[in-house]
Amino acid sequence: MSSYIALVIGAILGSSFRYFFTLLNFTILGLPSATILVNIIGSSMAGYFLNKFNGALYIFIYIGFFGSFTTLSSFNMELFSLVSDKSFIKALIYFSLNIFISFIFFYLFHVISLKFAN
C-alpha cells in the first residue's frame, strides 16, 4: 500500500509541475517549447538519479513524478499538429529535440551523477 501512495503523491506532484510549464505557453522558433523543456529536464533528472533509489522511493520518483512530469501524450499531440499543418521541417526538429536531446541529457546527467558518486 505504501508503494501505491508513493505513486499517487509522485504523480500529483509531477503532473502539477508539468501543468505549470504548460501554463507558460511559450514557443521558440514556432515550436511548442514547454514539452521539449519538460522532457529535457525530466530526462536529465532521471539520468542523474538512475539506480539511486529502490522500493517506494523509486516508485515515487521514477514512476510517479518523472512519469507524470515528462509526457508522451503532449509530445504526440503537438507533433501531430505540426505534421497536420504540413510543417514537416518543424516536426522533424521537434521530434529530434524531444527524442535525441532528451536522451543525450539523460545520459550526460547519469555520467555526472557517477562522477559525484566517486
Protein backbone atom coordinates (compact mmCIF):
# COMPACT_ATOMS: atom_id res chain seq x y z
CA MET A 1 0.00 0.00 0.00
CA SER A 2 2.87 2.43 0.72
CA SER A 3 4.09 1.93 -2.87
CA TYR A 4 0.69 2.94 -4.22
CA ILE A 5 0.60 6.05 -2.02
CA ALA A 6 4.12 6.93 -3.17
CA LEU A 7 2.97 6.56 -6.78
CA VAL A 8 -0.08 8.78 -6.29
CA ILE A 9 1.83 11.54 -4.49
CA GLY A 10 4.62 11.44 -7.09
CA ALA A 11 2.07 11.57 -9.92
CA ILE A 12 0.25 14.52 -8.34
CA LEU A 13 3.48 16.46 -7.96
CA GLY A 14 4.82 15.52 -11.41
CA SER A 15 1.62 16.40 -13.23
CA SER A 16 1.33 19.66 -11.26
CA PHE A 17 4.82 20.72 -12.30
CA ARG A 18 4.07 19.63 -15.87
CA TYR A 19 0.90 21.73 -15.93
CA PHE A 20 2.84 24.74 -14.62
CA PHE A 21 5.17 24.52 -17.63
CA THR A 22 2.15 24.22 -19.94
CA LEU A 23 0.72 27.43 -18.48
CA LEU A 24 3.88 29.26 -19.53
CA ASN A 25 2.76 28.52 -23.12
CA PHE A 26 5.94 29.64 -24.82
CA THR A 27 7.38 28.78 -28.19
CA ILE A 28 10.83 29.01 -29.71
CA LEU A 29 11.06 29.22 -33.50
CA GLY A 30 7.39 28.29 -33.69
CA LEU A 31 7.88 25.06 -31.74
CA PRO A 32 5.83 24.22 -28.63
CA SER A 33 8.81 24.50 -26.29
CA ALA A 34 7.27 23.66 -22.91
CA THR A 35 7.12 19.95 -23.78
CA ILE A 36 10.68 19.98 -25.06
CA LEU A 37 11.88 21.70 -21.89
CA VAL A 38 9.94 19.34 -19.63
CA ASN A 39 11.28 16.28 -21.45
CA ILE A 40 14.86 17.56 -21.26
CA ILE A 41 14.58 18.44 -17.56
CA GLY A 42 12.84 15.16 -16.73
CA SER A 43 15.35 13.13 -18.74
CA SER A 44 18.25 14.94 -17.10
CA MET A 45 16.93 14.22 -13.63
CA ALA A 46 16.02 10.62 -14.48
CA GLY A 47 19.56 10.07 -15.77
CA TYR A 48 21.11 11.74 -12.74
CA PHE A 49 19.14 9.65 -10.25
CA LEU A 50 19.30 6.37 -12.21
CA ASN A 51 19.84 3.41 -9.85
CA LYS A 52 19.91 5.67 -6.80
CA PHE A 53 16.56 4.59 -5.35
CA ASN A 54 14.54 1.44 -4.80
CA GLY A 55 11.24 0.40 -3.31
CA ALA A 56 8.59 3.03 -2.63
CA LEU A 57 11.05 5.89 -3.22
CA TYR A 58 11.79 4.56 -6.72
CA ILE A 59 8.05 4.31 -7.42
CA PHE A 60 7.52 7.86 -6.10
CA ILE A 61 10.33 9.41 -8.15
CA TYR A 62 10.51 7.40 -11.37
CA ILE A 63 7.02 6.09 -11.99
CA GLY A 64 5.05 8.79 -10.15
CA PHE A 65 6.95 12.04 -10.55
CA PHE A 66 9.02 11.56 -13.72
CA GLY A 67 6.25 9.51 -15.36
CA SER A 68 3.77 12.34 -14.82
CA PHE A 69 6.19 15.20 -15.39
CA THR A 70 7.51 14.11 -18.77
CA THR A 71 4.78 13.40 -21.23
CA LEU A 72 4.50 11.40 -24.38
CA SER A 73 0.85 12.32 -24.92
CA SER A 74 1.57 16.06 -25.24
CA PHE A 75 4.55 15.28 -27.43
CA ASN A 76 2.39 13.20 -29.78
CA MET A 77 -0.40 15.79 -29.95
CA GLU A 78 2.00 18.63 -30.68
CA LEU A 79 3.93 16.58 -33.25
CA PHE A 80 0.64 15.60 -34.92
CA SER A 81 -0.38 19.26 -35.05
CA LEU A 82 2.87 20.21 -36.79
CA VAL A 83 2.50 17.36 -39.32
CA SER A 84 -1.17 18.22 -39.91
CA ASP A 85 -0.14 21.81 -40.64
CA LYS A 86 2.39 20.39 -43.13
CA SER A 87 5.23 21.93 -41.09
CA PHE A 88 7.41 18.92 -41.80
CA ILE A 89 10.76 20.59 -41.06
CA LYS A 90 9.46 21.92 -37.74
CA ALA A 91 8.01 18.47 -36.99
CA LEU A 92 11.39 16.85 -37.65
CA ILE A 93 13.19 19.38 -35.46
CA TYR A 94 10.59 19.00 -32.72
CA PHE A 95 10.83 15.20 -32.87
CA SER A 96 14.63 15.31 -32.82
CA LEU A 97 14.83 17.72 -29.90
CA ASN A 98 12.42 15.68 -27.80
CA ILE A 99 13.88 12.26 -28.54
CA PHE A 100 17.58 12.75 -29.14
CA ILE A 101 18.29 15.72 -26.91
CA SER A 102 16.27 14.25 -24.04
CA PHE A 103 18.27 11.01 -24.31
CA ILE A 104 21.57 12.88 -24.51
CA PHE A 105 20.69 14.81 -21.35
CA PHE A 106 19.61 11.58 -19.64
CA TYR A 107 22.98 10.03 -20.47
CA LEU A 108 25.04 13.13 -19.58
CA PHE A 109 23.39 13.59 -16.21
CA HIS A 110 23.80 9.91 -15.42
CA VAL A 111 27.53 10.23 -16.15
CA ILE A 112 27.66 13.37 -13.99
CA SER A 113 25.98 11.53 -11.12
CA LEU A 114 28.57 8.76 -11.39
CA LYS A 115 31.36 11.32 -11.15
CA PHE A 116 29.82 12.75 -7.96
CA ALA A 117 29.47 9.25 -6.51
CA ASN A 118 33.22 8.65 -6.76
